[in-house]
Amino acid sequence: MNRKFLEELGLEKEAIDSIMKEHGLAIQAVKPTDYDELKEASKTYEQQINDLQATIDAQKESLGSIDELKKEIESYKLKDIKTNIAVQAGIPLELAGRLSGSTEEEIKADAESLAGLVNTKQPLPLKHTEPPKADAEESAYANMLEKL
């Protein structure tokens, strides 16, 4: 309710003043007695909410860094597992990083297949079957080299 509305109804100024006064008293009667306290408490709660939201944001950031560290730890564990399996399978350590798989069983299976390719034994060369040279001096040097 406002004055303009009452003036348009054709009421006198004194009547409008008394209506407005009564209306103000009615509003004040409906208004809680601790309105100012509630308003102050509301401001306090809003500040607490803002502080808690800032804390939550900071915690989310730290959780993100924790997740990154967990991933890094997992990669180191996987590298360690690959190295151990490569040593057990007799694969050179340079090839340990090439092992594939996400579980230990998969890595072992890959290591076994790679070990079959890498660890093929080459036959050792046999002793010379050529007849000895006729030169005595050369034969002496060749004999001396063989004994070394």
N, C-alpha and C. Protein backbone atom coordinates (compact mmCIF):
# COMPACT_ATOMS: atom_id res chain seq x y z
N MET A 1 0.86 -1.16 0.00
CA MET A 1 0.00 0.00 0.00
C MET A 1 0.90 1.22 0.00
N ASN A 2 0.53 2.19 -0.84
CA ASN A 2 1.29 3.42 -0.88
C ASN A 2 0.34 4.63 -0.95
N ARG A 3 0.89 5.80 -0.74
CA ARG A 3 0.09 7.04 -0.68
C ARG A 3 -0.61 7.33 -2.01
N LYS A 4 0.04 7.08 -3.07
CA LYS A 4 -0.53 7.39 -4.39
C LYS A 4 -1.84 6.63 -4.60
N PHE A 5 -1.82 5.36 -4.20
CA PHE A 5 -3.00 4.52 -4.34
C PHE A 5 -4.17 5.11 -3.55
N LEU A 6 -3.87 5.56 -2.31
CA LEU A 6 -4.93 6.12 -1.47
C LEU A 6 -5.41 7.47 -2.00
N GLU A 7 -4.51 8.25 -2.55
CA GLU A 7 -4.91 9.54 -3.13
C GLU A 7 -5.79 9.33 -4.35
N GLU A 8 -5.54 8.32 -5.13
CA GLU A 8 -6.37 8.03 -6.30
C GLU A 8 -7.76 7.57 -5.89
N LEU A 9 -7.89 7.02 -4.69
CA LEU A 9 -9.21 6.62 -4.19
C LEU A 9 -10.02 7.84 -3.74
N GLY A 10 -9.37 8.99 -3.65
CA GLY A 10 -10.06 10.23 -3.29
C GLY A 10 -10.13 10.47 -1.80
N LEU A 11 -9.25 9.90 -1.02
CA LEU A 11 -9.24 10.09 0.43
C LEU A 11 -8.51 11.40 0.77
N GLU A 12 -8.89 11.97 1.89
CA GLU A 12 -8.25 13.20 2.34
C GLU A 12 -6.87 12.90 2.89
N LYS A 13 -6.08 13.95 2.97
CA LYS A 13 -4.69 13.82 3.42
C LYS A 13 -4.63 13.30 4.85
N GLU A 14 -5.49 13.81 5.74
CA GLU A 14 -5.50 13.36 7.14
C GLU A 14 -5.86 11.88 7.22
N ALA A 15 -6.82 11.44 6.42
CA ALA A 15 -7.23 10.05 6.43
C ALA A 15 -6.08 9.16 5.91
N ILE A 16 -5.41 9.65 4.87
CA ILE A 16 -4.28 8.90 4.32
C ILE A 16 -3.17 8.77 5.36
N ASP A 17 -2.89 9.88 6.10
CA ASP A 17 -1.85 9.82 7.14
C ASP A 17 -2.21 8.80 8.20
N SER A 18 -3.48 8.80 8.66
CA SER A 18 -3.84 7.84 9.71
C SER A 18 -3.81 6.41 9.18
N ILE A 19 -4.21 6.20 7.92
CA ILE A 19 -4.15 4.84 7.36
C ILE A 19 -2.70 4.39 7.26
N MET A 20 -1.84 5.27 6.79
CA MET A 20 -0.43 4.91 6.66
C MET A 20 0.21 4.64 8.02
N LYS A 21 -0.19 5.41 9.02
CA LYS A 21 0.33 5.21 10.38
C LYS A 21 -0.09 3.84 10.89
N GLU A 22 -1.36 3.50 10.72
CA GLU A 22 -1.87 2.19 11.17
C GLU A 22 -1.20 1.06 10.39
N HIS A 23 -1.03 1.29 9.12
CA HIS A 23 -0.37 0.27 8.30
C HIS A 23 1.07 0.04 8.78
N GLY A 24 1.79 1.11 9.08
CA GLY A 24 3.16 0.99 9.60
C GLY A 24 3.19 0.25 10.92
N LEU A 25 2.22 0.53 11.80
CA LEU A 25 2.14 -0.19 13.08
C LEU A 25 1.86 -1.67 12.86
N ALA A 26 1.01 -1.98 11.88
CA ALA A 26 0.69 -3.38 11.59
C ALA A 26 1.92 -4.12 11.09
N ILE A 27 2.67 -3.43 10.24
CA ILE A 27 3.90 -4.06 9.72
C ILE A 27 4.91 -4.26 10.85
N GLN A 28 5.04 -3.27 11.72
CA GLN A 28 5.96 -3.40 12.85
C GLN A 28 5.51 -4.51 13.79
N ALA A 29 4.19 -4.72 13.92
CA ALA A 29 3.69 -5.78 14.80
C ALA A 29 4.00 -7.15 14.21
N VAL A 30 3.95 -7.26 12.89
CA VAL A 30 4.24 -8.54 12.25
C VAL A 30 5.73 -8.82 12.24
N LYS A 31 6.52 -7.78 12.20
CA LYS A 31 7.97 -7.92 12.17
C LYS A 31 8.43 -8.60 13.46
N PRO A 32 9.29 -9.62 13.34
CA PRO A 32 9.76 -10.31 14.56
C PRO A 32 10.49 -9.33 15.48
N THR A 33 10.40 -9.62 16.76
CA THR A 33 11.02 -8.72 17.74
C THR A 33 12.54 -8.79 17.66
N ASP A 34 13.06 -9.92 17.23
CA ASP A 34 14.51 -10.06 17.13
C ASP A 34 14.98 -9.95 15.68
N TYR A 35 14.32 -9.12 14.89
CA TYR A 35 14.64 -8.95 13.47
C TYR A 35 16.09 -8.52 13.27
N ASP A 36 16.55 -7.54 14.05
CA ASP A 36 17.92 -7.06 13.89
C ASP A 36 18.94 -8.15 14.24
N GLU A 37 18.62 -8.93 15.27
CA GLU A 37 19.51 -10.04 15.63
C GLU A 37 19.55 -11.08 14.52
N LEU A 38 18.37 -11.39 13.94
CA LEU A 38 18.31 -12.36 12.85
C LEU A 38 19.07 -11.85 11.63
N LYS A 39 18.96 -10.55 11.37
CA LYS A 39 19.68 -9.97 10.24
C LYS A 39 21.19 -10.08 10.45
N GLU A 40 21.65 -9.81 11.67
CA GLU A 40 23.07 -9.92 12.00
C GLU A 40 23.54 -11.38 11.92
N ALA A 41 22.71 -12.29 12.41
CA ALA A 41 23.05 -13.72 12.35
C ALA A 41 23.14 -14.18 10.90
N SER A 42 22.25 -13.67 10.06
CA SER A 42 22.28 -14.01 8.65
C SER A 42 23.59 -13.58 8.01
N LYS A 43 24.05 -12.38 8.33
CA LYS A 43 25.33 -11.90 7.80
C LYS A 43 26.47 -12.80 8.27
N THR A 44 26.42 -13.18 9.54
CA THR A 44 27.46 -14.06 10.10
C THR A 44 27.47 -15.40 9.38
N TYR A 45 26.28 -15.96 9.16
CA TYR A 45 26.19 -17.25 8.47
C TYR A 45 26.68 -17.16 7.03
N GLU A 46 26.37 -16.06 6.36
CA GLU A 46 26.85 -15.88 5.00
C GLU A 46 28.38 -15.84 4.96
N GLN A 47 28.97 -15.16 5.95
CA GLN A 47 30.44 -15.10 6.03
C GLN A 47 31.02 -16.49 6.28
N GLN A 48 30.37 -17.26 7.16
CA GLN A 48 30.83 -18.62 7.44
C GLN A 48 30.72 -19.50 6.20
N ILE A 49 29.64 -19.33 5.45
CA ILE A 49 29.47 -20.11 4.22
C ILE A 49 30.58 -19.79 3.23
N ASN A 50 30.89 -18.51 3.09
CA ASN A 50 31.96 -18.10 2.18
C ASN A 50 33.31 -18.67 2.61
N ASP A 51 33.57 -18.64 3.93
CA ASP A 51 34.83 -19.20 4.45
C ASP A 51 34.90 -20.71 4.19
N LEU A 52 33.79 -21.39 4.44
CA LEU A 52 33.76 -22.84 4.22
C LEU A 52 33.92 -23.18 2.74
N GLN A 53 33.32 -22.36 1.88
CA GLN A 53 33.47 -22.61 0.44
C GLN A 53 34.93 -22.44 0.03
N ALA A 54 35.61 -21.43 0.59
CA ALA A 54 37.04 -21.24 0.29
C ALA A 54 37.85 -22.44 0.78
N THR A 55 37.50 -22.96 1.96
CA THR A 55 38.18 -24.13 2.50
C THR A 55 37.96 -25.34 1.60
N ILE A 56 36.73 -25.52 1.13
CA ILE A 56 36.41 -26.64 0.24
C ILE A 56 37.23 -26.54 -1.05
N ASP A 57 37.31 -25.34 -1.60
CA ASP A 57 38.09 -25.15 -2.83
C ASP A 57 39.56 -25.49 -2.62
N ALA A 58 40.10 -25.07 -1.46
CA ALA A 58 41.50 -25.38 -1.16
C ALA A 58 41.69 -26.89 -1.01
N GLN A 59 40.72 -27.56 -0.38
CA GLN A 59 40.80 -29.01 -0.21
C GLN A 59 40.73 -29.73 -1.55
N LYS A 60 39.90 -29.22 -2.46
CA LYS A 60 39.81 -29.83 -3.79
C LYS A 60 41.15 -29.73 -4.51
N GLU A 61 41.82 -28.60 -4.38
CA GLU A 61 43.13 -28.44 -5.01
C GLU A 61 44.13 -29.43 -4.42
N SER A 62 44.13 -29.57 -3.10
CA SER A 62 45.08 -30.50 -2.49
C SER A 62 44.74 -31.94 -2.85
N LEU A 63 43.45 -32.25 -2.98
CA LEU A 63 43.07 -33.60 -3.40
C LEU A 63 43.53 -33.86 -4.84
N GLY A 64 43.49 -32.82 -5.66
CA GLY A 64 43.98 -32.97 -7.03
C GLY A 64 45.46 -33.30 -7.05
N SER A 65 46.22 -32.63 -6.20
CA SER A 65 47.65 -32.91 -6.16
C SER A 65 47.91 -34.30 -5.57
N ILE A 66 47.07 -34.73 -4.64
CA ILE A 66 47.20 -36.08 -4.08
C ILE A 66 46.94 -37.12 -5.17
N ASP A 67 45.93 -36.88 -6.00
CA ASP A 67 45.65 -37.81 -7.10
C ASP A 67 46.82 -37.89 -8.07
N GLU A 68 47.44 -36.75 -8.36
CA GLU A 68 48.60 -36.74 -9.24
C GLU A 68 49.74 -37.55 -8.63
N LEU A 69 49.95 -37.39 -7.32
CA LEU A 69 51.01 -38.14 -6.65
C LEU A 69 50.71 -39.64 -6.66
N LYS A 70 49.45 -40.00 -6.49
CA LYS A 70 49.08 -41.42 -6.54
C LYS A 70 49.38 -42.00 -7.92
N LYS A 71 49.07 -41.25 -8.97
CA LYS A 71 49.35 -41.73 -10.32
C LYS A 71 50.85 -41.90 -10.52
N GLU A 72 51.62 -40.96 -10.00
CA GLU A 72 53.08 -41.05 -10.13
C GLU A 72 53.61 -42.26 -9.37
N ILE A 73 53.08 -42.52 -8.19
CA ILE A 73 53.50 -43.69 -7.41
C ILE A 73 53.16 -44.97 -8.17
N GLU A 74 51.98 -45.01 -8.77
CA GLU A 74 51.58 -46.20 -9.53
C GLU A 74 52.52 -46.42 -10.72
N SER A 75 52.93 -45.34 -11.37
CA SER A 75 53.85 -45.51 -12.50
C SER A 75 55.20 -46.04 -12.02
N TYR A 76 55.67 -45.58 -10.85
CA TYR A 76 56.93 -46.09 -10.30
C TYR A 76 56.80 -47.55 -9.90
N LYS A 77 55.65 -47.93 -9.34
CA LYS A 77 55.43 -49.33 -8.98
C LYS A 77 55.44 -50.21 -10.22
N LEU A 78 54.78 -49.74 -11.28
CA LEU A 78 54.73 -50.50 -12.52
C LEU A 78 56.13 -50.65 -13.11
N LYS A 79 56.92 -49.57 -13.04
CA LYS A 79 58.29 -49.63 -13.55
C LYS A 79 59.11 -50.63 -12.74
N ASP A 80 58.93 -50.64 -11.42
CA ASP A 80 59.64 -51.58 -10.56
C ASP A 80 59.24 -53.02 -10.88
N ILE A 81 57.97 -53.24 -11.09
CA ILE A 81 57.50 -54.59 -11.43
C ILE A 81 58.11 -55.03 -12.76
N LYS A 82 58.12 -54.13 -13.74
CA LYS A 82 58.70 -54.47 -15.05
C LYS A 82 60.18 -54.81 -14.92
N THR A 83 60.90 -54.04 -14.09
CA THR A 83 62.32 -54.30 -13.90
C THR A 83 62.54 -55.66 -13.25
N ASN A 84 61.77 -55.96 -12.21
CA ASN A 84 61.92 -57.25 -11.52
C ASN A 84 61.60 -58.42 -12.45
N ILE A 85 60.55 -58.28 -13.24
CA ILE A 85 60.17 -59.36 -14.15
C ILE A 85 61.23 -59.52 -15.23
N ALA A 86 61.79 -58.41 -15.72
CA ALA A 86 62.83 -58.48 -16.74
C ALA A 86 64.06 -59.20 -16.20
N VAL A 87 64.42 -58.93 -14.97
CA VAL A 87 65.58 -59.61 -14.35
C VAL A 87 65.29 -61.10 -14.22
N GLN A 88 64.09 -61.45 -13.77
CA GLN A 88 63.73 -62.86 -13.60
C GLN A 88 63.71 -63.59 -14.95
N ALA A 89 63.28 -62.90 -16.01
CA ALA A 89 63.18 -63.55 -17.32
C ALA A 89 64.50 -63.52 -18.07
N GLY A 90 65.49 -62.82 -17.54
CA GLY A 90 66.80 -62.75 -18.20
C GLY A 90 66.81 -61.78 -19.37
N ILE A 91 65.96 -60.78 -19.30
CA ILE A 91 65.90 -59.76 -20.35
C ILE A 91 66.81 -58.62 -19.94
N PRO A 92 67.57 -58.06 -20.87
CA PRO A 92 68.42 -56.91 -20.51
C PRO A 92 67.57 -55.77 -19.95
N LEU A 93 68.13 -55.05 -18.98
CA LEU A 93 67.39 -53.98 -18.33
C LEU A 93 67.00 -52.87 -19.30
N GLU A 94 67.76 -52.72 -20.38
CA GLU A 94 67.41 -51.69 -21.36
C GLU A 94 66.06 -51.97 -22.01
N LEU A 95 65.68 -53.24 -22.05
CA LEU A 95 64.41 -53.63 -22.68
C LEU A 95 63.27 -53.74 -21.66
N ALA A 96 63.55 -53.54 -20.40
CA ALA A 96 62.51 -53.67 -19.37
C ALA A 96 61.39 -52.66 -19.57
N GLY A 97 61.71 -51.47 -20.03
CA GLY A 97 60.69 -50.45 -20.25
C GLY A 97 59.78 -50.78 -21.42
N ARG A 98 60.19 -51.68 -22.26
CA ARG A 98 59.39 -52.06 -23.43
C ARG A 98 58.35 -53.12 -23.12
N LEU A 99 58.41 -53.67 -21.93
CA LEU A 99 57.40 -54.66 -21.55
C LEU A 99 56.05 -53.97 -21.45
N SER A 100 55.01 -54.64 -21.93
CA SER A 100 53.69 -54.02 -21.90
C SER A 100 52.76 -54.82 -21.01
N GLY A 101 51.71 -54.16 -20.55
CA GLY A 101 50.71 -54.77 -19.69
C GLY A 101 50.43 -53.88 -18.50
N SER A 102 49.24 -54.04 -17.95
CA SER A 102 48.88 -53.22 -16.79
C SER A 102 48.84 -54.04 -15.51
N THR A 103 48.82 -55.36 -15.63
CA THR A 103 48.87 -56.21 -14.44
C THR A 103 50.15 -57.03 -14.49
N GLU A 104 50.48 -57.60 -13.35
CA GLU A 104 51.73 -58.37 -13.26
C GLU A 104 51.69 -59.59 -14.18
N GLU A 105 50.52 -60.22 -14.29
CA GLU A 105 50.41 -61.40 -15.14
C GLU A 105 50.62 -61.04 -16.61
N GLU A 106 50.05 -59.92 -17.05
CA GLU A 106 50.22 -59.50 -18.44
C GLU A 106 51.69 -59.17 -18.72
N ILE A 107 52.34 -58.53 -17.78
CA ILE A 107 53.74 -58.17 -17.97
C ILE A 107 54.60 -59.44 -18.02
N LYS A 108 54.30 -60.43 -17.16
CA LYS A 108 55.06 -61.69 -17.18
C LYS A 108 54.89 -62.40 -18.52
N ALA A 109 53.67 -62.41 -19.04
CA ALA A 109 53.44 -63.07 -20.32
C ALA A 109 54.23 -62.38 -21.43
N ASP A 110 54.24 -61.06 -21.42
CA ASP A 110 55.00 -60.31 -22.42
C ASP A 110 56.49 -60.55 -22.25
N ALA A 111 56.95 -60.64 -21.00
CA ALA A 111 58.38 -60.87 -20.74
C ALA A 111 58.80 -62.24 -21.24
N GLU A 112 57.93 -63.22 -21.07
CA GLU A 112 58.28 -64.57 -21.54
C GLU A 112 58.40 -64.60 -23.06
N SER A 113 57.49 -63.91 -23.74
CA SER A 113 57.57 -63.91 -25.20
C SER A 113 58.80 -63.13 -25.68
N LEU A 114 59.13 -62.04 -25.00
CA LEU A 114 60.32 -61.26 -25.36
C LEU A 114 61.59 -62.03 -25.03
N ALA A 115 61.57 -62.74 -23.90
CA ALA A 115 62.75 -63.51 -23.51
C ALA A 115 63.04 -64.61 -24.54
N GLY A 116 62.00 -65.17 -25.14
CA GLY A 116 62.20 -66.18 -26.18
C GLY A 116 62.93 -65.62 -27.38
N LEU A 117 62.71 -64.34 -27.66
CA LEU A 117 63.39 -63.72 -28.80
C LEU A 117 64.79 -63.25 -28.45
N VAL A 118 64.95 -62.75 -27.22
CA VAL A 118 66.22 -62.14 -26.82
C VAL A 118 67.23 -63.19 -26.38
N ASN A 119 66.79 -64.21 -25.72
CA ASN A 119 67.70 -65.15 -25.09
C ASN A 119 68.02 -66.37 -25.95
N THR A 120 67.97 -66.24 -27.25
CA THR A 120 68.36 -67.38 -28.09
C THR A 120 69.87 -67.52 -28.02
N LYS A 121 70.33 -68.70 -27.70
CA LYS A 121 71.76 -68.96 -27.53
C LYS A 121 72.41 -69.17 -28.89
N GLN A 122 73.47 -68.46 -29.13
CA GLN A 122 74.25 -68.64 -30.35
C GLN A 122 75.31 -69.69 -30.06
N PRO A 123 75.49 -70.60 -30.97
CA PRO A 123 76.52 -71.62 -30.72
C PRO A 123 77.90 -70.97 -30.71
N LEU A 124 78.72 -71.44 -29.80
CA LEU A 124 80.07 -70.90 -29.69
C LEU A 124 80.91 -71.35 -30.89
N PRO A 125 81.82 -70.52 -31.33
CA PRO A 125 82.65 -70.93 -32.47
C PRO A 125 83.56 -72.09 -32.06
N LEU A 126 83.77 -72.96 -32.99
CA LEU A 126 84.63 -74.12 -32.74
C LEU A 126 86.09 -73.73 -32.91
N LYS A 127 86.96 -74.60 -32.43
CA LYS A 127 88.39 -74.37 -32.57
C LYS A 127 88.78 -74.50 -34.03
N HIS A 128 89.78 -73.79 -34.40
CA HIS A 128 90.23 -73.82 -35.80
C HIS A 128 90.57 -75.24 -36.22
N THR A 129 90.13 -75.56 -37.40
CA THR A 129 90.42 -76.90 -37.94
C THR A 129 91.44 -76.84 -39.07
N GLU A 130 92.02 -75.68 -39.26
CA GLU A 130 93.02 -75.55 -40.31
C GLU A 130 94.31 -76.26 -39.87
N PRO A 131 95.03 -76.79 -40.82
CA PRO A 131 96.29 -77.46 -40.47
C PRO A 131 97.30 -76.42 -39.95
N PRO A 132 98.15 -76.80 -39.06
CA PRO A 132 99.14 -75.87 -38.53
C PRO A 132 100.07 -75.38 -39.64
N LYS A 133 100.51 -74.16 -39.46
CA LYS A 133 101.39 -73.56 -40.46
C LYS A 133 102.78 -74.20 -40.36
N ALA A 134 103.41 -74.21 -41.45
CA ALA A 134 104.71 -74.88 -41.52
C ALA A 134 105.81 -74.04 -40.90
N ASP A 135 105.69 -72.73 -40.86
CA ASP A 135 106.73 -71.86 -40.33
C ASP A 135 106.82 -72.05 -38.82
N ALA A 136 107.98 -72.38 -38.33
CA ALA A 136 108.17 -72.67 -36.91
C ALA A 136 108.00 -71.43 -36.06
N GLU A 137 108.50 -70.30 -36.55
CA GLU A 137 108.40 -69.07 -35.77
C GLU A 137 106.94 -68.64 -35.65
N GLU A 138 106.18 -68.72 -36.73
CA GLU A 138 104.77 -68.36 -36.70
C GLU A 138 104.00 -69.33 -35.82
N SER A 139 104.34 -70.57 -35.88
CA SER A 139 103.68 -71.57 -35.05
C SER A 139 103.92 -71.28 -33.58
N ALA A 140 105.13 -70.84 -33.24
CA ALA A 140 105.44 -70.53 -31.86
C ALA A 140 104.60 -69.35 -31.37
N TYR A 141 104.49 -68.32 -32.22
CA TYR A 141 103.66 -67.16 -31.83
C TYR A 141 102.18 -67.56 -31.72
N ALA A 142 101.67 -68.35 -32.62
CA ALA A 142 100.28 -68.78 -32.60
C ALA A 142 100.03 -69.63 -31.35
N ASN A 143 100.99 -70.49 -31.02
CA ASN A 143 100.88 -71.33 -29.83
C ASN A 143 100.86 -70.46 -28.59
N MET A 144 101.68 -69.43 -28.55
CA MET A 144 101.74 -68.53 -27.41
C MET A 144 100.40 -67.77 -27.27
N LEU A 145 99.81 -67.35 -28.38
CA LEU A 145 98.53 -66.63 -28.34
C LEU A 145 97.41 -67.52 -27.85
N GLU A 146 97.42 -68.77 -28.23
CA GLU A 146 96.38 -69.68 -27.80
C GLU A 146 96.42 -69.91 -26.29
N LYS A 147 97.62 -69.89 -25.74
CA LYS A 147 97.77 -70.13 -24.30
C LYS A 147 97.38 -68.92 -23.47
N LEU A 148 97.35 -67.75 -24.11
CA LEU A 148 96.96 -66.56 -23.37
C LEU A 148 95.51 -66.63 -23.14
